[in-house]
Amino acid sequence: MRLNKKFALVLAVVMMLSIAALPVSAAKVETVDGLKSAKVGVQAGTIGETLVKNLLKGHSGEVVAFESPSDMIRALKARLIDAAVMDENPARYFAITEKEAIRMLREPLQSENYAIAFRKGDPLREKVNKALAELKADGTRLNIIAKYIVGDPNPTEIDFNHDAEGKLWVGCAASFPPYEMRSAHGFYGIDIELCAAIAKKLGLELVIADYRFEALADALLEGKIDMICSAVTVTEERREFLDFSEPYEASQQVIVVLK
């Protein structure tokens, strides 16, 4: 009798796991409205998650949160979701690296600006704004962006200014290509290299602290890091408890689907 009960329990677990692993019925997503009846992947804690949740209110669609865009793409290729919503440049990155499998839709959800986040009233903000203005004026910012969008970046070439006496602690979520990534050689990406250039202008060594995206604000407010540079979108809600630098890049939320 015990063996039968045990067998029945194992069988039930196997059946539940099998059902959970089955691909979703692929909803055809070709427009923003198409998301309303689809299973949509988002990155937890991002503007994309908020946008999709608001869009799907009162509709049959479902929001599925992931820790990183890479996780979303894997789920999309496995047909566990019908579409993924993410920032434009990460979407372009995957449209190139996964060009046989996915594509980006033309219609965006919303435009946005990226900026560096600080604790309220932190004088570091003005110093970083000055450095950012210089990096924009001399073309460094655009060269960094171009390197990661159309070039071939080398993580070992980034100068973290290790000989400096002071340190600039920057929080990021290092699973957001092409902005924050990690390799055997360390951290690299648009935001990493931009912060390295800022740190050098401030005479500081850049130190990267890797967190989940949704944990970055708490780390900043608790004083564990000096600022956040992780493709953070400026919103009025975030302005209530954070200060922001001048925007360093414009972007938009887009939809990625299977080819």
C-alpha atoms as a PDB file:
ATOM      1  CA  MET A   1       0.000   0.000   0.000  1.00  0.00           C
ATOM      2  CA  ARG A   2       2.849   2.387   0.811  1.00  0.00           C
ATOM      3  CA  LEU A   3       4.473   1.673  -2.537  1.00  0.00           C
ATOM      4  CA  ASN A   4       1.251   2.453  -4.366  1.00  0.00           C
ATOM      5  CA  LYS A   5       0.842   5.785  -2.595  1.00  0.00           C
ATOM      6  CA  LYS A   6       4.447   6.675  -3.293  1.00  0.00           C
ATOM      7  CA  PHE A   7       4.070   5.711  -6.944  1.00  0.00           C
ATOM      8  CA  ALA A   8       0.886   7.798  -7.251  1.00  0.00           C
ATOM      9  CA  LEU A   9       2.630  10.808  -5.697  1.00  0.00           C
ATOM     10  CA  VAL A  10       5.608  10.506  -8.050  1.00  0.00           C
ATOM     11  CA  LEU A  11       3.276  10.121 -11.030  1.00  0.00           C
ATOM     12  CA  ALA A  12       1.323  13.219 -10.026  1.00  0.00           C
ATOM     13  CA  VAL A  13       4.511  15.288  -9.694  1.00  0.00           C
ATOM     14  CA  VAL A  14       5.789  14.073 -13.080  1.00  0.00           C
ATOM     15  CA  MET A  15       2.468  14.977 -14.712  1.00  0.00           C
ATOM     16  CA  MET A  16       2.473  18.466 -13.185  1.00  0.00           C
ATOM     17  CA  LEU A  17       6.046  19.103 -14.308  1.00  0.00           C
ATOM     18  CA  SER A  18       5.231  17.857 -17.803  1.00  0.00           C
ATOM     19  CA  ILE A  19       2.247  20.167 -18.068  1.00  0.00           C
ATOM     20  CA  ALA A  20       4.266  23.136 -16.800  1.00  0.00           C
ATOM     21  CA  ALA A  21       6.942  22.452 -19.401  1.00  0.00           C
ATOM     22  CA  LEU A  22       4.546  22.381 -22.345  1.00  0.00           C
ATOM     23  CA  PRO A  23       4.900  25.296 -24.776  1.00  0.00           C
ATOM     24  CA  VAL A  24       2.144  27.909 -24.702  1.00  0.00           C
ATOM     25  CA  SER A  25      -0.210  28.144 -27.637  1.00  0.00           C
ATOM     26  CA  ALA A  26       1.559  30.760 -29.719  1.00  0.00           C
ATOM     27  CA  ALA A  27      -0.460  33.969 -29.860  1.00  0.00           C
ATOM     28  CA  LYS A  28       0.374  35.931 -32.988  1.00  0.00           C
ATOM     29  CA  VAL A  29       1.869  39.210 -31.770  1.00  0.00           C
ATOM     30  CA  GLU A  30       2.482  41.766 -34.505  1.00  0.00           C
ATOM     31  CA  THR A  31       1.401  44.987 -32.746  1.00  0.00           C
ATOM     32  CA  VAL A  32       1.219  46.484 -29.264  1.00  0.00           C
ATOM     33  CA  ASP A  33      -2.482  45.564 -29.117  1.00  0.00           C
ATOM     34  CA  GLY A  34      -1.518  41.962 -29.833  1.00  0.00           C
ATOM     35  CA  LEU A  35       0.094  41.778 -26.391  1.00  0.00           C
ATOM     36  CA  LYS A  36      -3.336  42.043 -24.747  1.00  0.00           C
ATOM     37  CA  SER A  37      -4.101  38.387 -25.409  1.00  0.00           C
ATOM     38  CA  ALA A  38      -0.540  37.045 -25.175  1.00  0.00           C
ATOM     39  CA  LYS A  39       1.840  35.659 -22.583  1.00  0.00           C
ATOM     40  CA  VAL A  40       4.401  38.472 -22.299  1.00  0.00           C
ATOM     41  CA  GLY A  41       7.879  38.309 -20.776  1.00  0.00           C
ATOM     42  CA  VAL A  42       9.283  41.353 -18.935  1.00  0.00           C
ATOM     43  CA  GLN A  43      12.311  42.061 -16.751  1.00  0.00           C
ATOM     44  CA  ALA A  44      11.334  42.344 -13.083  1.00  0.00           C
ATOM     45  CA  GLY A  45      11.417  45.857 -11.650  1.00  0.00           C
ATOM     46  CA  THR A  46      11.676  47.652 -14.993  1.00  0.00           C
ATOM     47  CA  ILE A  47       9.528  50.208 -16.780  1.00  0.00           C
ATOM     48  CA  GLY A  48       8.699  47.482 -19.294  1.00  0.00           C
ATOM     49  CA  GLU A  49       7.037  45.459 -16.534  1.00  0.00           C
ATOM     50  CA  THR A  50       4.933  48.449 -15.449  1.00  0.00           C
ATOM     51  CA  LEU A  51       3.923  49.284 -19.041  1.00  0.00           C
ATOM     52  CA  VAL A  52       2.853  45.730 -19.853  1.00  0.00           C
ATOM     53  CA  LYS A  53       0.931  45.286 -16.603  1.00  0.00           C
ATOM     54  CA  ASN A  54      -1.006  48.488 -17.304  1.00  0.00           C
ATOM     55  CA  LEU A  55      -1.608  47.472 -20.918  1.00  0.00           C
ATOM     56  CA  LEU A  56      -2.952  44.033 -19.984  1.00  0.00           C
ATOM     57  CA  LYS A  57      -5.392  45.215 -17.294  1.00  0.00           C
ATOM     58  CA  GLY A  58      -8.861  43.933 -18.148  1.00  0.00           C
ATOM     59  CA  HIS A  59      -7.532  41.675 -20.900  1.00  0.00           C
ATOM     60  CA  SER A  60      -6.699  37.984 -21.159  1.00  0.00           C
ATOM     61  CA  GLY A  61      -2.937  38.441 -21.525  1.00  0.00           C
ATOM     62  CA  GLU A  62      -0.450  37.337 -18.856  1.00  0.00           C
ATOM     63  CA  VAL A  63       2.728  39.000 -17.564  1.00  0.00           C
ATOM     64  CA  VAL A  64       5.716  36.758 -16.784  1.00  0.00           C
ATOM     65  CA  ALA A  65       8.641  38.421 -14.953  1.00  0.00           C
ATOM     66  CA  PHE A  66      12.259  37.338 -15.521  1.00  0.00           C
ATOM     67  CA  GLU A  67      15.521  38.375 -13.895  1.00  0.00           C
ATOM     68  CA  SER A  68      17.245  39.314 -17.171  1.00  0.00           C
ATOM     69  CA  PRO A  69      16.584  39.875 -20.896  1.00  0.00           C
ATOM     70  CA  SER A  70      18.652  36.737 -21.626  1.00  0.00           C
ATOM     71  CA  ASP A  71      16.187  34.689 -19.571  1.00  0.00           C
ATOM     72  CA  MET A  72      13.327  36.200 -21.565  1.00  0.00           C
ATOM     73  CA  ILE A  73      14.931  35.277 -24.876  1.00  0.00           C
ATOM     74  CA  ARG A  74      15.489  31.686 -23.732  1.00  0.00           C
ATOM     75  CA  ALA A  75      11.826  31.453 -22.687  1.00  0.00           C
ATOM     76  CA  LEU A  76      10.708  32.960 -25.994  1.00  0.00           C
ATOM     77  CA  LYS A  77      12.767  30.467 -28.016  1.00  0.00           C
ATOM     78  CA  ALA A  78      11.301  27.646 -25.921  1.00  0.00           C
ATOM     79  CA  ARG A  79       7.812  29.036 -26.680  1.00  0.00           C
ATOM     80  CA  LEU A  80       7.053  29.472 -22.991  1.00  0.00           C
ATOM     81  CA  ILE A  81       6.053  33.073 -23.753  1.00  0.00           C
ATOM     82  CA  ASP A  82       4.601  34.648 -26.890  1.00  0.00           C
ATOM     83  CA  ALA A  83       6.571  37.907 -26.803  1.00  0.00           C
ATOM     84  CA  ALA A  84       9.145  39.802 -24.747  1.00  0.00           C
ATOM     85  CA  VAL A  85       9.184  43.517 -23.948  1.00  0.00           C
ATOM     86  CA  MET A  86      12.550  45.176 -23.358  1.00  0.00           C
ATOM     87  CA  ASP A  87      14.648  48.245 -24.113  1.00  0.00           C
ATOM     88  CA  GLU A  88      15.520  48.902 -27.750  1.00  0.00           C
ATOM     89  CA  ASN A  89      19.292  48.311 -27.749  1.00  0.00           C
ATOM     90  CA  PRO A  90      19.136  45.003 -25.855  1.00  0.00           C
ATOM     91  CA  ALA A  91      16.446  43.988 -28.346  1.00  0.00           C
ATOM     92  CA  ARG A  92      18.726  44.946 -31.247  1.00  0.00           C
ATOM     93  CA  TYR A  93      21.582  43.029 -29.633  1.00  0.00           C
ATOM     94  CA  PHE A  94      19.499  39.838 -29.477  1.00  0.00           C
ATOM     95  CA  ALA A  95      18.075  40.431 -32.959  1.00  0.00           C
ATOM     96  CA  ILE A  96      21.689  40.227 -34.178  1.00  0.00           C
ATOM     97  CA  THR A  97      23.017  37.434 -31.946  1.00  0.00           C
ATOM     98  CA  GLU A  98      19.816  35.368 -32.311  1.00  0.00           C
ATOM     99  CA  LYS A  99      18.972  36.486 -35.845  1.00  0.00           C
ATOM    100  CA  GLU A 100      17.801  33.046 -36.944  1.00  0.00           C
ATOM    101  CA  ALA A 101      15.251  32.850 -34.129  1.00  0.00           C
ATOM    102  CA  ILE A 102      13.855  36.271 -33.181  1.00  0.00           C
ATOM    103  CA  ARG A 103      12.917  39.653 -34.577  1.00  0.00           C
ATOM    104  CA  MET A 104      11.991  43.072 -33.185  1.00  0.00           C
ATOM    105  CA  LEU A 105       8.654  44.661 -34.076  1.00  0.00           C
ATOM    106  CA  ARG A 106       8.668  48.170 -35.526  1.00  0.00           C
ATOM    107  CA  GLU A 107       5.976  49.599 -33.265  1.00  0.00           C
ATOM    108  CA  PRO A 108       7.430  50.812 -29.902  1.00  0.00           C
ATOM    109  CA  LEU A 109       5.525  50.948 -26.634  1.00  0.00           C
ATOM    110  CA  GLN A 110       7.073  54.092 -25.185  1.00  0.00           C
ATOM    111  CA  SER A 111      10.094  56.384 -25.501  1.00  0.00           C
ATOM    112  CA  GLU A 112      12.376  56.929 -22.516  1.00  0.00           C
ATOM    113  CA  ASN A 113      15.638  58.495 -21.330  1.00  0.00           C
ATOM    114  CA  TYR A 114      18.463  56.796 -19.449  1.00  0.00           C
ATOM    115  CA  ALA A 115      20.235  58.612 -16.612  1.00  0.00           C
ATOM    116  CA  ILE A 116      22.475  57.861 -13.637  1.00  0.00           C
ATOM    117  CA  ALA A 117      20.684  57.721 -10.264  1.00  0.00           C
ATOM    118  CA  PHE A 118      21.879  59.198  -6.947  1.00  0.00           C
ATOM    119  CA  ARG A 119      20.669  59.601  -3.400  1.00  0.00           C
ATOM    120  CA  LYS A 120      18.625  62.775  -2.928  1.00  0.00           C
ATOM    121  CA  GLY A 121      20.849  65.849  -2.528  1.00  0.00           C
ATOM    122  CA  ASP A 122      24.122  64.013  -3.177  1.00  0.00           C
ATOM    123  CA  PRO A 123      26.743  66.529  -4.484  1.00  0.00           C
ATOM    124  CA  LEU A 124      28.240  63.702  -6.552  1.00  0.00           C
ATOM    125  CA  ARG A 125      25.447  64.321  -9.068  1.00  0.00           C
ATOM    126  CA  GLU A 126      26.880  67.704 -10.139  1.00  0.00           C
ATOM    127  CA  LYS A 127      30.383  66.276 -10.538  1.00  0.00           C
ATOM    128  CA  VAL A 128      29.057  63.433 -12.696  1.00  0.00           C
ATOM    129  CA  ASN A 129      26.962  65.858 -14.771  1.00  0.00           C
ATOM    130  CA  LYS A 130      30.100  67.893 -15.496  1.00  0.00           C
ATOM    131  CA  ALA A 131      31.994  64.759 -16.521  1.00  0.00           C
ATOM    132  CA  LEU A 132      29.074  63.589 -18.687  1.00  0.00           C
ATOM    133  CA  ALA A 133      28.929  66.954 -20.475  1.00  0.00           C
ATOM    134  CA  GLU A 134      32.638  66.711 -21.295  1.00  0.00           C
ATOM    135  CA  LEU A 135      32.261  63.116 -22.546  1.00  0.00           C
ATOM    136  CA  LYS A 136      29.366  64.181 -24.772  1.00  0.00           C
ATOM    137  CA  ALA A 137      31.247  67.206 -26.117  1.00  0.00           C
ATOM    138  CA  ASP A 138      34.412  65.305 -27.066  1.00  0.00           C
ATOM    139  CA  GLY A 139      32.527  62.410 -28.699  1.00  0.00           C
ATOM    140  CA  THR A 140      33.533  59.773 -26.143  1.00  0.00           C
ATOM    141  CA  ARG A 141      29.949  58.886 -25.222  1.00  0.00           C
ATOM    142  CA  LEU A 142      28.895  58.281 -28.832  1.00  0.00           C
ATOM    143  CA  ASN A 143      32.051  56.284 -29.553  1.00  0.00           C
ATOM    144  CA  ILE A 144      31.336  54.004 -26.592  1.00  0.00           C
ATOM    145  CA  ILE A 145      27.752  53.407 -27.708  1.00  0.00           C
ATOM    146  CA  ALA A 146      28.807  52.746 -31.306  1.00  0.00           C
ATOM    147  CA  LYS A 147      31.443  50.253 -30.161  1.00  0.00           C
ATOM    148  CA  TYR A 148      28.809  48.061 -28.505  1.00  0.00           C
ATOM    149  CA  ILE A 149      26.116  48.430 -31.162  1.00  0.00           C
ATOM    150  CA  VAL A 150      28.127  47.920 -34.353  1.00  0.00           C
ATOM    151  CA  GLY A 151      31.688  47.208 -33.208  1.00  0.00           C
ATOM    152  CA  ASP A 152      33.614  44.472 -31.456  1.00  0.00           C
ATOM    153  CA  PRO A 153      34.226  45.508 -27.826  1.00  0.00           C
ATOM    154  CA  ASN A 154      37.127  44.080 -25.849  1.00  0.00           C
ATOM    155  CA  PRO A 155      36.531  43.924 -22.059  1.00  0.00           C
ATOM    156  CA  THR A 156      40.252  44.008 -21.335  1.00  0.00           C
ATOM    157  CA  GLU A 157      40.595  47.473 -22.914  1.00  0.00           C
ATOM    158  CA  ILE A 158      38.438  49.260 -20.305  1.00  0.00           C
ATOM    159  CA  ASP A 159      40.487  51.465 -17.969  1.00  0.00           C
ATOM    160  CA  PHE A 160      39.063  51.181 -14.432  1.00  0.00           C
ATOM    161  CA  ASN A 161      41.737  53.597 -13.165  1.00  0.00           C
ATOM    162  CA  HIS A 162      43.033  51.108 -10.593  1.00  0.00           C
ATOM    163  CA  ASP A 163      45.904  53.400  -9.499  1.00  0.00           C
ATOM    164  CA  ALA A 164      43.544  56.064  -8.112  1.00  0.00           C
ATOM    165  CA  GLU A 165      43.344  56.527  -4.337  1.00  0.00           C
ATOM    166  CA  GLY A 166      39.566  56.902  -4.028  1.00  0.00           C
ATOM    167  CA  LYS A 167      36.829  54.646  -5.355  1.00  0.00           C
ATOM    168  CA  LEU A 168      33.561  55.212  -7.198  1.00  0.00           C
ATOM    169  CA  TRP A 169      31.131  52.408  -6.339  1.00  0.00           C
ATOM    170  CA  VAL A 170      28.607  51.938  -9.132  1.00  0.00           C
ATOM    171  CA  GLY A 171      25.660  49.553  -8.941  1.00  0.00           C
ATOM    172  CA  CYS A 172      24.382  47.746 -12.013  1.00  0.00           C
ATOM    173  CA  ALA A 173      22.568  44.584 -13.078  1.00  0.00           C
ATOM    174  CA  ALA A 174      25.235  42.889 -15.181  1.00  0.00           C
ATOM    175  CA  SER A 175      22.910  40.800 -17.328  1.00  0.00           C
ATOM    176  CA  PHE A 176      21.590  43.502 -19.635  1.00  0.00           C
ATOM    177  CA  PRO A 177      23.507  43.485 -22.937  1.00  0.00           C
ATOM    178  CA  PRO A 178      24.867  45.639 -24.421  1.00  0.00           C
ATOM    179  CA  TYR A 179      24.795  47.961 -21.372  1.00  0.00           C
ATOM    180  CA  GLU A 180      26.042  45.738 -18.549  1.00  0.00           C
ATOM    181  CA  MET A 181      27.644  42.339 -19.092  1.00  0.00           C
ATOM    182  CA  ARG A 182      30.154  40.069 -17.411  1.00  0.00           C
ATOM    183  CA  SER A 183      32.868  37.905 -18.940  1.00  0.00           C
ATOM    184  CA  ALA A 184      35.868  35.960 -17.695  1.00  0.00           C
ATOM    185  CA  HIS A 185      37.759  39.275 -17.893  1.00  0.00           C
ATOM    186  CA  GLY A 186      35.260  41.166 -15.705  1.00  0.00           C
ATOM    187  CA  PHE A 187      32.469  43.665 -16.307  1.00  0.00           C
ATOM    188  CA  TYR A 188      31.959  45.445 -19.600  1.00  0.00           C
ATOM    189  CA  GLY A 189      29.246  47.184 -21.632  1.00  0.00           C
ATOM    190  CA  ILE A 190      28.084  50.697 -22.562  1.00  0.00           C
ATOM    191  CA  ASP A 191      27.280  51.718 -18.982  1.00  0.00           C
ATOM    192  CA  ILE A 192      30.436  50.121 -17.570  1.00  0.00           C
ATOM    193  CA  GLU A 193      32.725  51.881 -20.032  1.00  0.00           C
ATOM    194  CA  LEU A 194      30.869  55.185 -19.638  1.00  0.00           C
ATOM    195  CA  CYS A 195      31.279  54.967 -15.847  1.00  0.00           C
ATOM    196  CA  ALA A 196      34.964  54.108 -16.267  1.00  0.00           C
ATOM    197  CA  ALA A 197      35.413  57.329 -18.260  1.00  0.00           C
ATOM    198  CA  ILE A 198      33.488  59.296 -15.611  1.00  0.00           C
ATOM    199  CA  ALA A 199      35.546  57.789 -12.775  1.00  0.00           C
ATOM    200  CA  LYS A 200      38.774  58.714 -14.567  1.00  0.00           C
ATOM    201  CA  LYS A 201      37.629  62.332 -14.893  1.00  0.00           C
ATOM    202  CA  LEU A 202      36.809  62.362 -11.169  1.00  0.00           C
ATOM    203  CA  GLY A 203      40.209  60.863 -10.314  1.00  0.00           C
ATOM    204  CA  LEU A 204      38.618  57.728  -8.848  1.00  0.00           C
ATOM    205  CA  GLU A 205      38.839  53.984  -9.399  1.00  0.00           C
ATOM    206  CA  LEU A 206      35.660  52.419 -10.794  1.00  0.00           C
ATOM    207  CA  VAL A 207      34.301  49.539  -8.716  1.00  0.00           C
ATOM    208  CA  ILE A 208      31.242  47.676 -10.023  1.00  0.00           C
ATOM    209  CA  ALA A 209      28.704  46.119  -7.646  1.00  0.00           C
ATOM    210  CA  ASP A 210      26.415  43.633  -9.379  1.00  0.00           C
ATOM    211  CA  TYR A 211      22.808  43.401  -8.104  1.00  0.00           C
ATOM    212  CA  ARG A 212      19.427  42.262  -9.382  1.00  0.00           C
ATOM    213  CA  PHE A 213      17.864  45.283 -11.076  1.00  0.00           C
ATOM    214  CA  GLU A 214      15.024  45.541  -8.558  1.00  0.00           C
ATOM    215  CA  ALA A 215      17.547  45.600  -5.662  1.00  0.00           C
ATOM    216  CA  LEU A 216      19.628  48.511  -6.961  1.00  0.00           C
ATOM    217  CA  ALA A 217      17.597  51.353  -5.415  1.00  0.00           C
ATOM    218  CA  ASP A 218      17.770  49.790  -1.944  1.00  0.00           C
ATOM    219  CA  ALA A 219      21.541  49.306  -2.285  1.00  0.00           C
ATOM    220  CA  LEU A 220      21.912  52.990  -3.176  1.00  0.00           C
ATOM    221  CA  LEU A 221      19.668  54.266  -0.376  1.00  0.00           C
ATOM    222  CA  GLU A 222      21.476  52.050   2.135  1.00  0.00           C
ATOM    223  CA  GLY A 223      24.839  53.562   1.115  1.00  0.00           C
ATOM    224  CA  LYS A 224      26.293  50.364  -0.327  1.00  0.00           C
ATOM    225  CA  ILE A 225      26.983  52.088  -3.655  1.00  0.00           C
ATOM    226  CA  ASP A 226      27.542  55.711  -4.739  1.00  0.00           C
ATOM    227  CA  MET A 227      25.293  55.695  -7.803  1.00  0.00           C
ATOM    228  CA  ILE A 228      23.316  53.464 -10.156  1.00  0.00           C
ATOM    229  CA  CYS A 229      24.207  53.218 -13.831  1.00  0.00           C
ATOM    230  CA  SER A 230      22.158  50.384 -15.294  1.00  0.00           C
ATOM    231  CA  ALA A 231      20.081  51.724 -18.198  1.00  0.00           C
ATOM    232  CA  VAL A 232      17.780  53.330 -15.633  1.00  0.00           C
ATOM    233  CA  THR A 233      14.757  55.093 -17.119  1.00  0.00           C
ATOM    234  CA  VAL A 234      13.875  58.459 -15.586  1.00  0.00           C
ATOM    235  CA  THR A 235      10.289  58.519 -14.298  1.00  0.00           C
ATOM    236  CA  GLU A 236       8.340  60.858 -12.015  1.00  0.00           C
ATOM    237  CA  GLU A 237       7.785  57.980  -9.596  1.00  0.00           C
ATOM    238  CA  ARG A 238      11.524  57.366  -9.297  1.00  0.00           C
ATOM    239  CA  ARG A 239      12.199  61.109  -8.923  1.00  0.00           C
ATOM    240  CA  GLU A 240      10.309  61.001  -5.638  1.00  0.00           C
ATOM    241  CA  PHE A 241      13.166  59.158  -3.924  1.00  0.00           C
ATOM    242  CA  LEU A 242      16.140  59.485  -6.319  1.00  0.00           C
ATOM    243  CA  ASP A 243      18.031  62.292  -8.058  1.00  0.00           C
ATOM    244  CA  PHE A 244      19.137  61.805 -11.668  1.00  0.00           C
ATOM    245  CA  SER A 245      21.971  63.037 -13.841  1.00  0.00           C
ATOM    246  CA  GLU A 246      21.313  64.631 -17.181  1.00  0.00           C
ATOM    247  CA  PRO A 247      20.145  61.900 -19.611  1.00  0.00           C
ATOM    248  CA  TYR A 248      22.993  60.179 -21.427  1.00  0.00           C
ATOM    249  CA  GLU A 249      20.899  58.217 -23.940  1.00  0.00           C
ATOM    250  CA  ALA A 250      17.384  58.067 -25.405  1.00  0.00           C
ATOM    251  CA  SER A 251      15.701  54.717 -25.912  1.00  0.00           C
ATOM    252  CA  GLN A 252      12.295  53.067 -26.162  1.00  0.00           C
ATOM    253  CA  GLN A 253      10.482  49.943 -25.046  1.00  0.00           C
ATOM    254  CA  VAL A 254       9.984  47.462 -27.906  1.00  0.00           C
ATOM    255  CA  ILE A 255       8.513  44.033 -28.548  1.00  0.00           C
ATOM    256  CA  VAL A 256      10.550  40.956 -29.499  1.00  0.00           C
ATOM    257  CA  VAL A 257       8.887  37.874 -31.029  1.00  0.00           C
ATOM    258  CA  LEU A 258       9.919  34.654 -32.742  1.00  0.00           C
ATOM    259  CA  LYS A 259      10.573  34.755 -36.466  1.00  0.00           C
END
